Amino acid sequence: MSRFGPYTQHRTRKDGSYVFFQHFHANLRPKGFPAGFQIHEQDEPGPLTNEERELILERAMVNYDEFCEARKVANPMTPPREGPLPENSWKLLADLAKDSFWFDGLSVHSKRLYALQYDKIVAAFDGKPELDPTVISQSQIEQWLRRRGYSSHVVITWGVIFNQLLRIAANEGIRPNHRPIRMQVRRAPPGPIRIWEQSDVDAVIKAFEDKGDMITSELVQTAWATGQRLGDIRQLRYDKNYQDGCLHFLTNKTAARIMLTLPDALRQRLDQRYRPGQLMFPSPRGRTFTISHLSEYFRGSTKHLAGYDDLPLKLRTLRHSAILNFARAGCTIPMIASVTGHSLVTVHKILGHYLPRDPILAAQAQAMRAEADNVFALNPVIEGYARTLIDGRALPQKPTAGPQRRSA
């Protein structure tokens, strides 16, 4: 019920009518502030009218304003400052947030992440008159972000931070108040996904080998040949998971037992740098790749590839592209699941997402049909049987018997 204001709830009575009230949590409300307010009570059951909706929202906002004022007096978010405040800006709010009590209680990693997001917000919002922090609302900020093409993930993530910044501005007296009515954020439909082809794999391999990075090149080849998760491949070790050109390990996600034979060319490259007990695909620092670092390293190495400016390749689609490649080769769903470690249902869902839109599979189906038509045309037995069916359909059909009369 967030559309009727913050902390607004409703209960249904026995006759079907609603009672709306506002409840403030004990760990949020200041001492002496009421735990809840009854906002509206329906006389008869039925849908809410526009007048009732406006009345509920107005009463909820009044109660919330009183709650914010009492909370500001009882427990200010930022320590008191001496002297006049500097010019109002998003950089000022970011600095106040870093000095606030809640920021001091975060871990070192969380502080670093929040500070990075603050810097991005200041770079995007500071110095723009239409984004004045003294008057703008959170819903207007979300609309501004959407019009500029920001993703739904960024809008949702920054929504929490903007809630904090505007609340600090209200506590400092920079703006009258901040009413964080949550807005329903619609996620943008997924854009087009580039499926890996053999030419894409060759281009990426060449990009890594031109830099002298043979290990990451072999990692991509292994993922393409086996369809395994990058989270499993990056942890493979010689002797433990690789012997005589065969991979054998348990997947981290489903604990499925995988035993695969690698192609001969890839086996020869891996055997050349065989180190017992060492990682097969270590990072440039000699450690295990993290997925985020591997993605950043991949983007940095392939960003100059020709032909991939509009729709760049992504590592996360490499596994599904390998599954699609198995299906193109004529493998059945159980055969694909035995290689990739998926369940049969998951393989069916993946193929159901990609196969209906695969132009290569459509061209393959048309070629098979043309070949079958040629075979049928050259086979006298099949041609004679088809001619018999056509002639039989052309014959006049016997009329069906009508309803029989009952004997007296």
Protein backbone atom coordinates (compact mmCIF):
# COMPACT_ATOMS: atom_id res chain seq x y z
CA MET A 1 0.00 0.00 0.00
CA SER A 2 2.96 2.34 -0.53
CA ARG A 3 0.95 4.35 -3.09
CA PHE A 4 -1.09 5.75 -0.16
CA GLY A 5 2.00 7.07 1.58
CA PRO A 6 4.90 5.69 3.66
CA TYR A 7 4.18 3.03 6.30
CA THR A 8 0.52 2.84 5.23
CA GLN A 9 -1.36 -0.43 5.68
CA HIS A 10 -4.93 -1.67 5.52
CA ARG A 11 -7.07 -4.34 7.16
CA THR A 12 -10.22 -6.01 5.91
CA ARG A 13 -13.25 -6.15 8.18
CA LYS A 14 -15.80 -8.96 8.22
CA ASP A 15 -18.18 -7.10 5.91
CA GLY A 16 -15.42 -6.63 3.29
CA SER A 17 -14.71 -2.94 3.90
CA TYR A 18 -11.21 -1.58 4.55
CA VAL A 19 -9.64 0.27 7.46
CA PHE A 20 -6.49 2.23 6.59
CA PHE A 21 -3.92 3.07 9.24
CA GLN A 22 -0.30 4.11 9.51
CA HIS A 23 2.17 2.24 11.67
CA PHE A 24 5.70 3.39 12.54
CA HIS A 25 8.22 0.77 13.60
CA ALA A 26 9.57 0.87 17.14
CA ASN A 27 13.21 1.04 16.03
CA LEU A 28 12.46 4.08 13.82
CA ARG A 29 10.07 6.30 15.74
CA PRO A 30 11.41 8.65 18.42
CA LYS A 31 10.50 8.32 22.06
CA GLY A 32 6.95 9.43 22.84
CA PHE A 33 5.77 9.34 19.23
CA PRO A 34 2.55 7.33 18.66
CA ALA A 35 2.95 3.86 17.22
CA GLY A 36 0.15 4.29 14.68
CA PHE A 37 -2.66 6.43 13.34
CA GLN A 38 -6.01 5.42 11.90
CA ILE A 39 -6.34 7.25 8.60
CA HIS A 40 -9.63 6.22 7.03
CA GLU A 41 -12.49 3.79 7.62
CA GLN A 42 -14.92 2.77 4.91
CA ASP A 43 -18.62 2.95 5.70
CA GLU A 44 -19.58 0.33 3.13
CA PRO A 45 -17.52 -2.32 1.31
CA GLY A 46 -16.46 -1.46 -2.21
CA PRO A 47 -13.64 0.08 -4.27
CA LEU A 48 -12.03 3.32 -3.18
CA THR A 49 -13.15 6.53 -4.82
CA ASN A 50 -10.76 9.24 -5.98
CA GLU A 51 -11.79 11.45 -3.06
CA GLU A 52 -10.97 8.68 -0.59
CA ARG A 53 -7.58 8.08 -2.18
CA GLU A 54 -6.66 11.78 -1.96
CA LEU A 55 -7.85 11.91 1.66
CA ILE A 56 -5.77 8.86 2.63
CA LEU A 57 -2.66 10.20 0.94
CA GLU A 58 -3.04 13.65 2.48
CA ARG A 59 -3.47 12.28 6.00
CA ALA A 60 -0.56 9.90 5.55
CA MET A 61 1.71 12.74 4.41
CA VAL A 62 0.74 14.92 7.36
CA ASN A 63 1.52 12.12 9.81
CA TYR A 64 4.80 11.41 8.07
CA ASP A 65 5.84 15.06 8.20
CA GLU A 66 5.25 15.06 11.96
CA PHE A 67 7.21 11.82 12.25
CA CYS A 68 10.20 13.26 10.34
CA GLU A 69 10.19 16.44 12.43
CA ALA A 70 10.12 14.49 15.70
CA ARG A 71 12.85 12.16 14.48
CA LYS A 72 15.02 15.06 13.39
CA VAL A 73 14.76 16.65 16.82
CA ALA A 74 15.33 13.40 18.73
CA ASN A 75 18.16 11.93 16.63
CA PRO A 76 19.65 14.11 13.88
CA MET A 77 21.27 12.14 11.14
CA THR A 78 24.38 14.27 10.90
CA PRO A 79 26.32 15.94 13.71
CA PRO A 80 25.60 19.64 14.32
CA ARG A 81 27.67 22.05 12.27
CA GLU A 82 28.94 25.51 13.15
CA GLY A 83 28.70 28.48 10.84
CA PRO A 84 26.69 28.93 7.64
CA LEU A 85 26.20 26.04 5.28
CA PRO A 86 28.03 26.16 1.94
CA GLU A 87 26.20 26.41 -1.36
CA ASN A 88 23.57 23.75 -1.90
CA SER A 89 24.79 21.04 -4.28
CA TRP A 90 24.89 17.28 -4.65
CA LYS A 91 28.56 17.32 -3.70
CA LEU A 92 27.60 18.89 -0.37
CA LEU A 93 25.01 16.16 0.25
CA ALA A 94 27.55 13.46 -0.64
CA ASP A 95 30.05 14.96 1.83
CA LEU A 96 27.36 15.14 4.53
CA ALA A 97 26.46 11.49 3.87
CA LYS A 98 30.09 10.45 4.33
CA ASP A 99 30.15 12.30 7.68
CA SER A 100 26.85 10.84 8.90
CA PHE A 101 26.51 8.30 11.71
CA TRP A 102 25.15 5.52 9.52
CA PHE A 103 28.14 5.76 7.16
CA ASP A 104 30.59 5.29 10.04
CA GLY A 105 28.92 1.98 10.90
CA LEU A 106 29.53 0.44 7.47
CA SER A 107 32.32 -1.96 6.65
CA VAL A 108 35.36 -0.83 4.70
CA HIS A 109 34.12 -2.57 1.54
CA SER A 110 30.66 -1.01 1.83
CA LYS A 111 32.14 2.44 2.39
CA ARG A 112 34.22 2.09 -0.76
CA LEU A 113 31.18 1.03 -2.80
CA TYR A 114 28.99 3.86 -1.47
CA ALA A 115 31.75 6.42 -2.03
CA LEU A 116 32.06 5.23 -5.64
CA GLN A 117 28.31 5.63 -6.20
CA TYR A 118 28.39 9.09 -4.59
CA ASP A 119 31.10 10.17 -7.03
CA LYS A 120 29.04 8.91 -9.99
CA ILE A 121 25.95 10.77 -8.77
CA VAL A 122 27.89 14.00 -8.25
CA ALA A 123 29.39 13.72 -11.74
CA ALA A 124 25.95 13.18 -13.32
CA PHE A 125 23.81 15.60 -11.24
CA ASP A 126 25.98 18.39 -9.89
CA GLY A 127 25.76 21.74 -11.66
CA LYS A 128 22.41 21.13 -13.40
CA PRO A 129 19.69 23.69 -12.48
CA GLU A 130 16.83 21.30 -13.31
CA LEU A 131 18.21 18.87 -10.69
CA ASP A 132 18.24 21.28 -7.77
CA PRO A 133 18.38 19.12 -4.59
CA THR A 134 16.34 21.70 -2.65
CA VAL A 135 13.12 21.11 -4.62
CA ILE A 136 13.43 17.95 -6.72
CA SER A 137 11.62 14.77 -5.63
CA GLN A 138 12.78 11.20 -5.86
CA SER A 139 10.19 10.30 -8.49
CA GLN A 140 11.42 13.18 -10.69
CA ILE A 141 14.96 11.87 -10.32
CA GLU A 142 13.86 8.41 -11.46
CA GLN A 143 12.08 9.88 -14.48
CA TRP A 144 15.16 11.92 -15.38
CA LEU A 145 17.36 8.81 -15.18
CA ARG A 146 14.99 6.80 -17.37
CA ARG A 147 14.82 9.49 -20.06
CA ARG A 148 18.62 9.45 -20.27
CA GLY A 149 18.73 5.69 -20.83
CA TYR A 150 19.90 4.53 -17.40
CA SER A 151 19.17 0.85 -16.81
CA SER A 152 16.58 -0.41 -14.33
CA HIS A 153 19.35 -1.80 -12.13
CA VAL A 154 20.95 1.63 -11.82
CA VAL A 155 17.60 3.30 -11.10
CA ILE A 156 16.79 0.82 -8.34
CA THR A 157 20.29 0.95 -6.82
CA TRP A 158 20.53 4.73 -6.90
CA GLY A 159 16.98 5.03 -5.53
CA VAL A 160 18.22 3.87 -2.12
CA ILE A 161 21.10 6.34 -2.19
CA PHE A 162 18.90 9.26 -3.31
CA ASN A 163 16.51 8.46 -0.47
CA GLN A 164 19.40 8.86 1.96
CA LEU A 165 20.74 12.04 0.36
CA LEU A 166 17.36 13.79 0.25
CA ARG A 167 16.62 12.75 3.82
CA ILE A 168 19.94 14.24 4.94
CA ALA A 169 19.07 17.43 3.04
CA ALA A 170 15.75 17.62 4.92
CA ASN A 171 17.46 17.06 8.28
CA GLU A 172 20.00 19.78 7.52
CA GLY A 173 17.30 22.28 6.53
CA ILE A 174 18.42 22.44 2.89
CA ARG A 175 14.93 21.40 1.75
CA PRO A 176 11.55 21.52 3.55
CA ASN A 177 11.07 17.75 3.72
CA HIS A 178 11.58 14.53 1.85
CA ARG A 179 8.66 12.17 1.29
CA PRO A 180 10.03 8.86 0.07
CA ILE A 181 6.92 7.40 -1.59
CA ARG A 182 8.19 4.33 -3.34
CA MET A 183 7.59 4.25 -7.06
CA GLN A 184 6.97 1.06 -9.01
CA VAL A 185 9.94 0.71 -11.32
CA ARG A 186 9.23 -1.17 -14.53
CA ARG A 187 12.21 -3.05 -15.78
CA ALA A 188 13.15 -2.37 -19.36
CA PRO A 189 12.64 -5.31 -21.75
CA PRO A 190 15.84 -7.22 -22.46
CA GLY A 191 17.68 -5.98 -25.50
CA PRO A 192 19.09 -8.10 -28.31
CA ILE A 193 21.68 -10.67 -27.25
CA ARG A 194 24.63 -11.55 -29.43
CA ILE A 195 25.06 -15.30 -29.76
CA TRP A 196 28.61 -16.55 -30.05
CA GLU A 197 29.57 -18.14 -33.34
CA GLN A 198 32.80 -19.88 -34.29
CA SER A 199 34.01 -16.70 -35.98
CA ASP A 200 33.46 -14.77 -32.74
CA VAL A 201 35.48 -17.32 -30.77
CA ASP A 202 38.31 -17.13 -33.31
CA ALA A 203 38.33 -13.30 -33.13
CA VAL A 204 38.46 -13.29 -29.32
CA ILE A 205 41.18 -15.94 -29.25
CA LYS A 206 43.27 -13.90 -31.67
CA ALA A 207 42.75 -10.74 -29.55
CA PHE A 208 44.13 -12.49 -26.45
CA GLU A 209 46.98 -14.18 -28.29
CA ASP A 210 48.06 -10.87 -29.86
CA LYS A 211 48.50 -9.59 -26.30
CA GLY A 212 50.50 -12.72 -25.42
CA ASP A 213 47.76 -14.02 -23.11
CA MET A 214 47.51 -17.71 -24.00
CA ILE A 215 45.85 -18.73 -20.73
CA THR A 216 42.68 -16.67 -21.16
CA SER A 217 42.54 -17.73 -24.79
CA GLU A 218 42.51 -21.37 -23.71
CA LEU A 219 39.90 -20.60 -21.06
CA VAL A 220 37.53 -19.27 -23.73
CA GLN A 221 38.22 -22.30 -25.93
CA THR A 222 37.46 -24.67 -23.05
CA ALA A 223 34.18 -22.91 -22.26
CA TRP A 224 33.17 -23.00 -25.94
CA ALA A 225 34.10 -26.68 -26.40
CA THR A 226 32.48 -27.97 -23.19
CA GLY A 227 29.70 -25.49 -22.35
CA GLN A 228 30.74 -25.40 -18.69
CA ARG A 229 30.29 -22.51 -16.26
CA LEU A 230 33.14 -20.05 -16.00
CA GLY A 231 32.86 -20.37 -12.22
CA ASP A 232 33.85 -24.04 -12.56
CA ILE A 233 36.47 -23.64 -15.28
CA ARG A 234 38.43 -20.94 -13.44
CA GLN A 235 38.99 -23.33 -10.47
CA LEU A 236 40.24 -26.34 -12.44
CA ARG A 237 43.65 -27.72 -11.49
CA TYR A 238 46.07 -30.11 -13.14
CA ASP A 239 46.11 -33.69 -11.78
CA LYS A 240 43.02 -33.00 -9.65
CA ASN A 241 40.64 -32.13 -12.52
CA TYR A 242 42.67 -32.83 -15.68
CA GLN A 243 44.34 -36.13 -16.61
CA ASP A 244 45.21 -37.57 -20.00
CA GLY A 245 43.28 -34.90 -21.86
CA CYS A 246 40.06 -35.43 -19.87
CA LEU A 247 38.26 -33.11 -17.47
CA HIS A 248 36.54 -34.58 -14.43
CA PHE A 249 35.02 -32.47 -11.65
CA LEU A 250 31.84 -31.74 -9.69
CA THR A 251 29.95 -28.58 -10.63
CA ASN A 252 29.68 -26.00 -7.86
CA LYS A 253 26.01 -25.20 -8.46
CA THR A 254 24.36 -28.62 -8.85
CA ALA A 255 27.18 -31.01 -7.81
CA ALA A 256 26.76 -32.86 -11.12
CA ARG A 257 29.66 -35.14 -12.02
CA ILE A 258 31.26 -34.07 -15.30
CA MET A 259 33.69 -36.19 -17.36
CA LEU A 260 34.64 -34.72 -20.75
CA THR A 261 37.33 -35.23 -23.39
CA LEU A 262 38.83 -32.05 -24.83
CA PRO A 263 39.63 -31.53 -28.53
CA ASP A 264 43.10 -32.64 -29.62
CA ALA A 265 44.37 -29.14 -30.46
CA LEU A 266 43.34 -27.80 -27.06
CA ARG A 267 44.78 -30.83 -25.29
CA GLN A 268 48.19 -30.26 -26.85
CA ARG A 269 48.24 -26.62 -25.71
CA LEU A 270 47.26 -27.53 -22.16
CA ASP A 271 49.82 -30.34 -21.97
CA GLN A 272 52.61 -27.97 -22.95
CA ARG A 273 52.29 -26.00 -19.70
CA TYR A 274 51.35 -28.93 -17.47
CA ARG A 275 52.10 -28.11 -13.83
CA PRO A 276 50.98 -30.73 -11.29
CA GLY A 277 48.52 -29.29 -8.78
CA GLN A 278 48.58 -25.78 -10.29
CA LEU A 279 45.63 -23.82 -11.65
CA MET A 280 44.92 -24.48 -15.32
CA PHE A 281 43.72 -20.94 -16.00
CA PRO A 282 45.25 -18.52 -13.46
CA SER A 283 44.78 -14.75 -13.55
CA PRO A 284 47.68 -12.45 -14.53
CA ARG A 285 48.56 -12.35 -10.82
CA GLY A 286 48.69 -16.12 -10.60
CA ARG A 287 45.48 -16.42 -8.58
CA THR A 288 42.00 -17.69 -9.28
CA PHE A 289 39.95 -15.38 -11.47
CA THR A 290 36.93 -13.77 -9.84
CA ILE A 291 33.94 -13.53 -12.15
CA SER A 292 33.80 -9.73 -11.96
CA HIS A 293 37.53 -9.35 -12.64
CA LEU A 294 37.31 -11.85 -15.48
CA SER A 295 34.48 -9.86 -17.07
CA GLU A 296 36.39 -6.58 -16.73
CA TYR A 297 39.53 -8.19 -18.12
CA PHE A 298 37.52 -9.63 -21.03
CA ARG A 299 35.90 -6.28 -21.86
CA GLY A 300 39.23 -4.49 -21.75
CA SER A 301 40.85 -6.99 -24.11
CA THR A 302 38.03 -7.23 -26.67
CA LYS A 303 36.72 -3.65 -26.80
CA HIS A 304 38.75 -2.93 -29.95
CA LEU A 305 37.38 -5.88 -31.93
CA ALA A 306 35.97 -4.79 -35.29
CA GLY A 307 32.27 -5.32 -35.85
CA TYR A 308 31.19 -5.50 -32.22
CA ASP A 309 30.54 -1.85 -31.41
CA ASP A 310 26.74 -1.91 -31.48
CA LEU A 311 26.26 -5.34 -29.90
CA PRO A 312 29.38 -6.42 -27.98
CA LEU A 313 30.11 -9.97 -26.95
CA LYS A 314 29.42 -10.97 -23.36
CA LEU A 315 31.02 -13.77 -21.41
CA ARG A 316 27.74 -14.72 -19.77
CA THR A 317 26.26 -15.78 -23.13
CA LEU A 318 29.17 -18.08 -24.01
CA ARG A 319 27.73 -21.06 -22.13
CA HIS A 320 24.27 -20.77 -23.71
CA SER A 321 25.87 -20.30 -27.13
CA ALA A 322 27.76 -23.56 -26.66
CA ILE A 323 24.48 -25.31 -25.77
CA LEU A 324 22.90 -23.88 -28.91
CA ASN A 325 25.86 -25.14 -30.93
CA PHE A 326 25.31 -28.67 -29.58
CA ALA A 327 21.64 -28.48 -30.62
CA ARG A 328 22.60 -27.35 -34.12
CA ALA A 329 24.82 -30.43 -34.39
CA GLY A 330 21.77 -32.62 -33.80
CA CYS A 331 22.36 -33.51 -30.14
CA THR A 332 19.29 -34.40 -28.11
CA ILE A 333 18.39 -32.74 -24.82
CA PRO A 334 19.68 -35.68 -22.67
CA MET A 335 22.97 -35.63 -24.60
CA ILE A 336 23.40 -31.87 -24.02
CA ALA A 337 22.53 -32.19 -20.31
CA SER A 338 25.13 -34.95 -19.88
CA VAL A 339 27.81 -32.57 -21.21
CA THR A 340 26.86 -29.26 -19.56
CA GLY A 341 25.54 -30.57 -16.23
CA HIS A 342 22.12 -28.93 -16.61
CA SER A 343 18.87 -30.65 -15.80
CA LEU A 344 16.67 -31.72 -18.70
CA VAL A 345 14.14 -29.02 -17.86
CA THR A 346 16.80 -26.29 -17.86
CA VAL A 347 18.22 -27.37 -21.22
CA HIS A 348 14.69 -27.37 -22.64
CA LYS A 349 14.11 -23.81 -21.38
CA ILE A 350 17.42 -22.56 -22.79
CA LEU A 351 16.77 -24.08 -26.19
CA GLY A 352 13.19 -22.82 -26.11
CA HIS A 353 14.56 -19.28 -25.68
CA TYR A 354 17.16 -19.36 -28.46
CA LEU A 355 16.12 -21.96 -31.04
CA PRO A 356 12.91 -20.31 -32.34
CA ARG A 357 14.93 -17.25 -33.35
CA ASP A 358 18.01 -19.03 -34.73
CA PRO A 359 18.48 -18.23 -38.45
CA ILE A 360 21.12 -20.94 -38.89
CA LEU A 361 18.73 -23.62 -37.68
CA ALA A 362 16.03 -22.27 -40.01
CA ALA A 363 18.41 -22.44 -42.98
CA GLN A 364 19.41 -25.97 -41.95
CA ALA A 365 15.76 -27.04 -41.83
CA GLN A 366 15.07 -25.61 -45.29
CA ALA A 367 18.12 -27.42 -46.71
CA MET A 368 16.98 -30.72 -45.18
CA ARG A 369 13.50 -30.28 -46.61
CA ALA A 370 14.87 -29.50 -50.08
CA GLU A 371 17.06 -32.59 -49.89
CA ALA A 372 14.10 -34.71 -48.82
CA ASP A 373 11.96 -33.35 -51.69
CA ASN A 374 14.67 -34.33 -54.16
CA VAL A 375 14.85 -37.82 -52.69
CA PHE A 376 11.08 -38.23 -52.89
CA ALA A 377 11.02 -37.00 -56.48
CA LEU A 378 13.66 -39.56 -57.54
CA ASN A 379 12.07 -42.49 -55.68
CA PRO A 380 9.40 -44.17 -57.87
CA VAL A 381 7.83 -46.02 -54.93
CA ILE A 382 7.26 -42.84 -52.89
CA GLU A 383 6.13 -40.93 -55.97
CA GLY A 384 3.60 -43.67 -56.85
CA TYR A 385 2.24 -43.72 -53.31
CA ALA A 386 1.87 -39.93 -53.32
CA ARG A 387 0.07 -40.10 -56.69
CA THR A 388 -2.33 -42.70 -55.29
CA LEU A 389 -3.19 -40.42 -52.36
CA ILE A 390 -3.82 -37.45 -54.66
CA ASP A 391 -6.01 -39.48 -57.00
CA GLY A 392 -7.96 -40.91 -54.07
CA ARG A 393 -8.76 -37.43 -52.76
CA ALA A 394 -10.06 -36.43 -56.18
CA LEU A 395 -12.61 -39.28 -56.32
CA PRO A 396 -16.21 -38.45 -55.38
CA GLN A 397 -17.00 -39.40 -51.80
CA LYS A 398 -19.91 -41.67 -50.97
CA PRO A 399 -22.76 -39.93 -49.16
CA THR A 400 -23.15 -40.90 -45.53
CA ALA A 401 -26.27 -42.74 -44.43
CA GLY A 402 -28.94 -40.47 -42.93
CA PRO A 403 -30.77 -41.10 -39.68
CA GLN A 404 -32.82 -44.28 -39.76
CA ARG A 405 -36.46 -44.27 -38.87
CA ARG A 406 -37.56 -46.19 -35.89
CA SER A 407 -39.85 -49.10 -36.61
CA ALA A 408 -43.34 -48.73 -35.20
